[in-house]
């Protein structure tokens, strides 16, 4: 009987955690979208719960992913620079992480206050939502795109990502922003006092 390789077992368990975290993140994002779009008004409690679960899943993705990198190449930056697919995935996940912070700190607070110009107020949430959806889907794509690594290289992966981002943002501004605006409400001034619409 062959001896068990503890490094291979650890890596297998990390991949398993990584896949579970992706599934948990997808479920959290779906619940977040449900909280925003399922009713005439945004369900703040459900959105905040979904947001918390998505943050935990993203943290688990970072921890499991970075641990696998350390197992595979240690702290050798030269080896990292020779792996365009891995560099592309790290870049996409950094964009995803920065965008997630923007969603939580900038976009979501707009949902909870009446807006004088709801369509304008919905612009940033629509953009951040498009970046989020594109980044999650593209990070998963890059994760399985090993056969394309030699063809695309880092520049090809990131160029394709940029094109997809531009398309998703344009679509979101046209199709999603009006829906968001209708759920964010409006503010009307009546006799000197503000009335939520």
C-alpha atoms as a PDB file:
ATOM      1  CA  UNK A   1       0.000   0.000   0.000  1.00  0.00           C
ATOM      2  CA  UNK A   2       1.288   3.464  -0.928  1.00  0.00           C
ATOM      3  CA  UNK A   3       2.024   6.004   1.776  1.00  0.00           C
ATOM      4  CA  UNK A   4      -0.341   8.948   1.987  1.00  0.00           C
ATOM      5  CA  UNK A   5       1.211  12.229   0.901  1.00  0.00           C
ATOM      6  CA  UNK A   6       0.166  14.788   3.550  1.00  0.00           C
ATOM      7  CA  UNK A   7       0.856  17.726   1.190  1.00  0.00           C
ATOM      8  CA  UNK A   8      -1.399  16.214  -1.496  1.00  0.00           C
ATOM      9  CA  UNK A   9      -4.138  15.612   1.104  1.00  0.00           C
ATOM     10  CA  UNK A  10      -3.815  19.184   2.413  1.00  0.00           C
ATOM     11  CA  UNK A  11      -4.015  20.567  -1.127  1.00  0.00           C
ATOM     12  CA  UNK A  12      -7.048  18.396  -1.882  1.00  0.00           C
ATOM     13  CA  UNK A  13      -8.813  19.677   1.252  1.00  0.00           C
ATOM     14  CA  UNK A  14      -7.946  23.271   0.319  1.00  0.00           C
ATOM     15  CA  UNK A  15      -9.432  22.790  -3.161  1.00  0.00           C
ATOM     16  CA  UNK A  16     -12.553  21.362  -1.510  1.00  0.00           C
ATOM     17  CA  UNK A  17     -12.819  24.402   0.810  1.00  0.00           C
ATOM     18  CA  UNK A  18     -12.229  26.667  -2.201  1.00  0.00           C
ATOM     19  CA  UNK A  19     -15.082  25.038  -4.146  1.00  0.00           C
ATOM     20  CA  UNK A  20     -17.419  25.176  -1.126  1.00  0.00           C
ATOM     21  CA  UNK A  21     -16.571  28.856  -0.651  1.00  0.00           C
ATOM     22  CA  UNK A  22     -17.431  29.550  -4.301  1.00  0.00           C
ATOM     23  CA  UNK A  23     -20.778  27.784  -3.842  1.00  0.00           C
ATOM     24  CA  UNK A  24     -21.461  29.716  -0.618  1.00  0.00           C
ATOM     25  CA  UNK A  25     -20.555  32.999  -2.315  1.00  0.00           C
ATOM     26  CA  UNK A  26     -22.869  32.228  -5.244  1.00  0.00           C
ATOM     27  CA  UNK A  27     -25.732  31.479  -2.835  1.00  0.00           C
ATOM     28  CA  UNK A  28     -25.056  34.675  -0.855  1.00  0.00           C
ATOM     29  CA  UNK A  29     -24.980  36.777  -4.028  1.00  0.00           C
ATOM     30  CA  UNK A  30     -28.257  35.185  -5.171  1.00  0.00           C
ATOM     31  CA  UNK A  31     -29.900  35.999  -1.828  1.00  0.00           C
ATOM     32  CA  UNK A  32     -28.525  39.541  -2.044  1.00  0.00           C
ATOM     33  CA  UNK A  33     -30.052  39.947  -5.490  1.00  0.00           C
ATOM     34  CA  UNK A  34     -33.332  38.526  -4.166  1.00  0.00           C
ATOM     35  CA  UNK A  35     -33.270  41.060  -1.316  1.00  0.00           C
ATOM     36  CA  UNK A  36     -32.828  43.870  -3.831  1.00  0.00           C
ATOM     37  CA  UNK A  37     -35.090  42.813  -6.697  1.00  0.00           C
ATOM     38  CA  UNK A  38     -37.802  40.481  -5.341  1.00  0.00           C
ATOM     39  CA  UNK A  39     -39.969  43.132  -3.724  1.00  0.00           C
ATOM     40  CA  UNK A  40     -40.956  46.714  -4.436  1.00  0.00           C
ATOM     41  CA  UNK A  41     -38.550  47.851  -1.674  1.00  0.00           C
ATOM     42  CA  UNK A  42     -35.123  46.513  -0.743  1.00  0.00           C
ATOM     43  CA  UNK A  43     -35.097  44.051   2.163  1.00  0.00           C
ATOM     44  CA  UNK A  44     -32.317  45.515   4.302  1.00  0.00           C
ATOM     45  CA  UNK A  45     -32.099  42.618   6.776  1.00  0.00           C
ATOM     46  CA  UNK A  46     -31.807  39.995   4.058  1.00  0.00           C
ATOM     47  CA  UNK A  47     -29.298  42.101   2.106  1.00  0.00           C
ATOM     48  CA  UNK A  48     -27.092  42.629   5.162  1.00  0.00           C
ATOM     49  CA  UNK A  49     -27.209  38.900   6.006  1.00  0.00           C
ATOM     50  CA  UNK A  50     -26.364  37.937   2.417  1.00  0.00           C
ATOM     51  CA  UNK A  51     -23.579  40.511   2.396  1.00  0.00           C
ATOM     52  CA  UNK A  52     -22.095  39.073   5.592  1.00  0.00           C
ATOM     53  CA  UNK A  53     -22.122  35.521   4.164  1.00  0.00           C
ATOM     54  CA  UNK A  54     -20.557  36.727   0.901  1.00  0.00           C
ATOM     55  CA  UNK A  55     -17.775  38.427   2.897  1.00  0.00           C
ATOM     56  CA  UNK A  56     -17.070  35.224   4.841  1.00  0.00           C
ATOM     57  CA  UNK A  57     -17.008  33.222   1.588  1.00  0.00           C
ATOM     58  CA  UNK A  58     -14.621  35.730  -0.014  1.00  0.00           C
ATOM     59  CA  UNK A  59     -12.321  35.522   3.016  1.00  0.00           C
ATOM     60  CA  UNK A  60     -12.377  31.706   2.781  1.00  0.00           C
ATOM     61  CA  UNK A  61     -11.504  31.959  -0.922  1.00  0.00           C
ATOM     62  CA  UNK A  62      -8.537  34.206  -0.181  1.00  0.00           C
ATOM     63  CA  UNK A  63      -7.265  32.001   2.650  1.00  0.00           C
ATOM     64  CA  UNK A  64      -7.623  28.721   0.761  1.00  0.00           C
ATOM     65  CA  UNK A  65      -6.269  30.190  -2.481  1.00  0.00           C
ATOM     66  CA  UNK A  66      -3.217  31.827  -0.921  1.00  0.00           C
ATOM     67  CA  UNK A  67      -2.477  28.673   1.079  1.00  0.00           C
ATOM     68  CA  UNK A  68      -2.528  26.623  -2.153  1.00  0.00           C
ATOM     69  CA  UNK A  69      -0.147  29.114  -3.763  1.00  0.00           C
ATOM     70  CA  UNK A  70       2.246  28.797  -0.830  1.00  0.00           C
ATOM     71  CA  UNK A  71       2.070  24.979  -1.046  1.00  0.00           C
ATOM     72  CA  UNK A  72       2.686  25.058  -4.811  1.00  0.00           C
ATOM     73  CA  UNK A  73       5.383  27.707  -5.163  1.00  0.00           C
ATOM     74  CA  UNK A  74       6.215  28.935  -1.689  1.00  0.00           C
ATOM     75  CA  UNK A  75       7.100  32.605  -1.623  1.00  0.00           C
ATOM     76  CA  UNK A  76       9.020  32.542  -4.895  1.00  0.00           C
ATOM     77  CA  UNK A  77       7.822  35.608  -6.817  1.00  0.00           C
ATOM     78  CA  UNK A  78       9.785  34.564  -9.906  1.00  0.00           C
ATOM     79  CA  UNK A  79       7.663  31.403 -10.155  1.00  0.00           C
ATOM     80  CA  UNK A  80       4.513  33.455  -9.650  1.00  0.00           C
ATOM     81  CA  UNK A  81       5.477  35.756 -12.528  1.00  0.00           C
ATOM     82  CA  UNK A  82       5.821  32.664 -14.755  1.00  0.00           C
ATOM     83  CA  UNK A  83       2.181  31.711 -14.142  1.00  0.00           C
ATOM     84  CA  UNK A  84      -0.004  34.093 -16.183  1.00  0.00           C
ATOM     85  CA  UNK A  85      -3.256  32.320 -15.340  1.00  0.00           C
ATOM     86  CA  UNK A  86      -2.551  32.528 -11.615  1.00  0.00           C
ATOM     87  CA  UNK A  87      -1.561  36.193 -11.908  1.00  0.00           C
ATOM     88  CA  UNK A  88      -4.739  36.907 -13.845  1.00  0.00           C
ATOM     89  CA  UNK A  89      -6.859  35.151 -11.229  1.00  0.00           C
ATOM     90  CA  UNK A  90      -5.182  37.093  -8.429  1.00  0.00           C
ATOM     91  CA  UNK A  91      -5.801  40.335 -10.327  1.00  0.00           C
ATOM     92  CA  UNK A  92      -9.478  39.526 -10.868  1.00  0.00           C
ATOM     93  CA  UNK A  93      -9.932  38.547  -7.213  1.00  0.00           C
ATOM     94  CA  UNK A  94      -8.250  41.794  -6.108  1.00  0.00           C
ATOM     95  CA  UNK A  95     -10.718  43.728  -8.294  1.00  0.00           C
ATOM     96  CA  UNK A  96     -13.548  41.637  -6.826  1.00  0.00           C
ATOM     97  CA  UNK A  97     -12.384  42.341  -3.273  1.00  0.00           C
ATOM     98  CA  UNK A  98     -11.995  46.105  -3.807  1.00  0.00           C
ATOM     99  CA  UNK A  99     -15.398  46.173  -5.512  1.00  0.00           C
ATOM    100  CA  UNK A 100     -16.970  44.241  -2.626  1.00  0.00           C
ATOM    101  CA  UNK A 101     -15.701  46.869  -0.195  1.00  0.00           C
ATOM    102  CA  UNK A 102     -17.162  49.594  -2.415  1.00  0.00           C
ATOM    103  CA  UNK A 103     -20.498  47.759  -2.544  1.00  0.00           C
ATOM    104  CA  UNK A 104     -20.649  47.508   1.256  1.00  0.00           C
ATOM    105  CA  UNK A 105     -19.378  50.980   2.106  1.00  0.00           C
ATOM    106  CA  UNK A 106     -20.700  53.097  -0.778  1.00  0.00           C
ATOM    107  CA  UNK A 107     -23.531  51.363  -2.649  1.00  0.00           C
ATOM    108  CA  UNK A 108     -25.547  49.594   0.043  1.00  0.00           C
ATOM    109  CA  UNK A 109     -25.921  52.679   2.305  1.00  0.00           C
ATOM    110  CA  UNK A 110     -27.638  54.430  -0.636  1.00  0.00           C
ATOM    111  CA  UNK A 111     -30.341  51.767  -0.584  1.00  0.00           C
ATOM    112  CA  UNK A 112     -31.479  52.715   2.909  1.00  0.00           C
ATOM    113  CA  UNK A 113     -32.041  56.440   2.446  1.00  0.00           C
ATOM    114  CA  UNK A 114     -34.649  58.195   0.333  1.00  0.00           C
ATOM    115  CA  UNK A 115     -33.010  59.729  -2.730  1.00  0.00           C
ATOM    116  CA  UNK A 116     -33.834  63.032  -4.401  1.00  0.00           C
ATOM    117  CA  UNK A 117     -32.699  61.560  -7.725  1.00  0.00           C
ATOM    118  CA  UNK A 118     -33.058  57.785  -7.434  1.00  0.00           C
ATOM    119  CA  UNK A 119     -31.826  57.116 -10.981  1.00  0.00           C
ATOM    120  CA  UNK A 120     -28.609  59.011 -10.324  1.00  0.00           C
ATOM    121  CA  UNK A 121     -28.219  57.378  -6.898  1.00  0.00           C
ATOM    122  CA  UNK A 122     -28.613  53.948  -8.524  1.00  0.00           C
ATOM    123  CA  UNK A 123     -25.679  54.525 -10.900  1.00  0.00           C
ATOM    124  CA  UNK A 124     -22.842  53.464  -8.587  1.00  0.00           C
ATOM    125  CA  UNK A 125     -24.697  50.423  -7.191  1.00  0.00           C
ATOM    126  CA  UNK A 126     -25.466  49.335 -10.772  1.00  0.00           C
ATOM    127  CA  UNK A 127     -21.805  49.710 -11.782  1.00  0.00           C
ATOM    128  CA  UNK A 128     -20.520  47.929  -8.668  1.00  0.00           C
ATOM    129  CA  UNK A 129     -23.081  45.148  -9.176  1.00  0.00           C
ATOM    130  CA  UNK A 130     -21.928  44.641 -12.765  1.00  0.00           C
ATOM    131  CA  UNK A 131     -18.281  44.516 -11.688  1.00  0.00           C
ATOM    132  CA  UNK A 132     -19.157  42.046  -8.931  1.00  0.00           C
ATOM    133  CA  UNK A 133     -21.094  39.645 -11.165  1.00  0.00           C
ATOM    134  CA  UNK A 134     -18.478  39.791 -13.909  1.00  0.00           C
ATOM    135  CA  UNK A 135     -15.586  39.311 -11.480  1.00  0.00           C
ATOM    136  CA  UNK A 136     -17.145  36.290  -9.742  1.00  0.00           C
ATOM    137  CA  UNK A 137     -17.938  34.581 -13.040  1.00  0.00           C
ATOM    138  CA  UNK A 138     -14.618  35.459 -14.639  1.00  0.00           C
ATOM    139  CA  UNK A 139     -12.570  34.338 -11.610  1.00  0.00           C
ATOM    140  CA  UNK A 140     -14.265  30.931 -11.869  1.00  0.00           C
ATOM    141  CA  UNK A 141     -13.541  30.864 -15.614  1.00  0.00           C
ATOM    142  CA  UNK A 142      -9.861  31.686 -15.117  1.00  0.00           C
ATOM    143  CA  UNK A 143      -9.682  28.958 -12.474  1.00  0.00           C
ATOM    144  CA  UNK A 144     -10.512  26.301 -15.069  1.00  0.00           C
ATOM    145  CA  UNK A 145      -8.874  27.953 -18.114  1.00  0.00           C
ATOM    146  CA  UNK A 146      -5.507  26.179 -17.948  1.00  0.00           C
ATOM    147  CA  UNK A 147      -5.629  25.141 -21.645  1.00  0.00           C
ATOM    148  CA  UNK A 148      -5.911  28.825 -22.631  1.00  0.00           C
ATOM    149  CA  UNK A 149      -3.024  30.013 -20.477  1.00  0.00           C
ATOM    150  CA  UNK A 150      -0.346  29.624 -23.154  1.00  0.00           C
ATOM    151  CA  UNK A 151      -2.562  31.238 -25.798  1.00  0.00           C
ATOM    152  CA  UNK A 152      -3.874  34.207 -23.819  1.00  0.00           C
ATOM    153  CA  UNK A 153      -1.133  34.912 -21.316  1.00  0.00           C
ATOM    154  CA  UNK A 154      -1.703  37.493 -18.599  1.00  0.00           C
ATOM    155  CA  UNK A 155      -2.470  40.307 -21.060  1.00  0.00           C
ATOM    156  CA  UNK A 156      -5.060  38.237 -22.905  1.00  0.00           C
ATOM    157  CA  UNK A 157      -6.832  37.168 -19.720  1.00  0.00           C
ATOM    158  CA  UNK A 158      -6.944  40.734 -18.396  1.00  0.00           C
ATOM    159  CA  UNK A 159      -7.905  42.196 -21.787  1.00  0.00           C
ATOM    160  CA  UNK A 160     -10.849  39.821 -22.001  1.00  0.00           C
ATOM    161  CA  UNK A 161     -11.788  40.683 -18.418  1.00  0.00           C
ATOM    162  CA  UNK A 162     -11.739  44.404 -19.245  1.00  0.00           C
ATOM    163  CA  UNK A 163     -13.969  43.871 -22.295  1.00  0.00           C
ATOM    164  CA  UNK A 164     -16.431  41.830 -20.259  1.00  0.00           C
ATOM    165  CA  UNK A 165     -16.455  44.501 -17.536  1.00  0.00           C
ATOM    166  CA  UNK A 166     -17.224  47.254 -20.040  1.00  0.00           C
ATOM    167  CA  UNK A 167     -20.054  45.231 -21.580  1.00  0.00           C
ATOM    168  CA  UNK A 168     -21.515  44.295 -18.189  1.00  0.00           C
ATOM    169  CA  UNK A 169     -21.377  47.884 -16.935  1.00  0.00           C
ATOM    170  CA  UNK A 170     -23.084  49.195 -20.081  1.00  0.00           C
ATOM    171  CA  UNK A 171     -25.813  46.539 -19.810  1.00  0.00           C
ATOM    172  CA  UNK A 172     -26.280  47.233 -16.111  1.00  0.00           C
ATOM    173  CA  UNK A 173     -26.644  50.976 -16.638  1.00  0.00           C
ATOM    174  CA  UNK A 174     -29.314  50.403 -19.272  1.00  0.00           C
ATOM    175  CA  UNK A 175     -31.226  47.458 -17.758  1.00  0.00           C
ATOM    176  CA  UNK A 176     -30.463  47.238 -14.024  1.00  0.00           C
ATOM    177  CA  UNK A 177     -30.129  50.878 -12.946  1.00  0.00           C
ATOM    178  CA  UNK A 178     -33.814  51.748 -13.621  1.00  0.00           C
ATOM    179  CA  UNK A 179     -34.915  48.696 -11.585  1.00  0.00           C
ATOM    180  CA  UNK A 180     -32.647  49.694  -8.728  1.00  0.00           C
ATOM    181  CA  UNK A 181     -33.900  53.271  -8.876  1.00  0.00           C
ATOM    182  CA  UNK A 182     -37.513  52.134  -8.617  1.00  0.00           C
ATOM    183  CA  UNK A 183     -36.673  50.226  -5.425  1.00  0.00           C
ATOM    184  CA  UNK A 184     -34.591  52.997  -3.891  1.00  0.00           C
ATOM    185  CA  UNK A 185     -37.533  55.375  -3.831  1.00  0.00           C
ATOM    186  CA  UNK A 186     -37.394  59.077  -4.236  1.00  0.00           C
ATOM    187  CA  UNK A 187     -37.602  62.182  -2.139  1.00  0.00           C
ATOM    188  CA  UNK A 188     -40.084  64.930  -2.799  1.00  0.00           C
ATOM    189  CA  UNK A 189     -40.132  68.317  -1.157  1.00  0.00           C
ATOM    190  CA  UNK A 190     -43.621  69.275  -0.048  1.00  0.00           C
ATOM    191  CA  UNK A 191     -44.285  72.503   1.837  1.00  0.00           C
ATOM    192  CA  UNK A 192     -40.684  72.728   2.968  1.00  0.00           C
ATOM    193  CA  UNK A 193     -40.460  69.214   4.336  1.00  0.00           C
ATOM    194  CA  UNK A 194     -38.989  66.090   2.769  1.00  0.00           C
ATOM    195  CA  UNK A 195     -41.411  63.280   2.017  1.00  0.00           C
ATOM    196  CA  UNK A 196     -40.212  59.833   0.931  1.00  0.00           C
ATOM    197  CA  UNK A 197     -41.835  58.759  -2.313  1.00  0.00           C
END
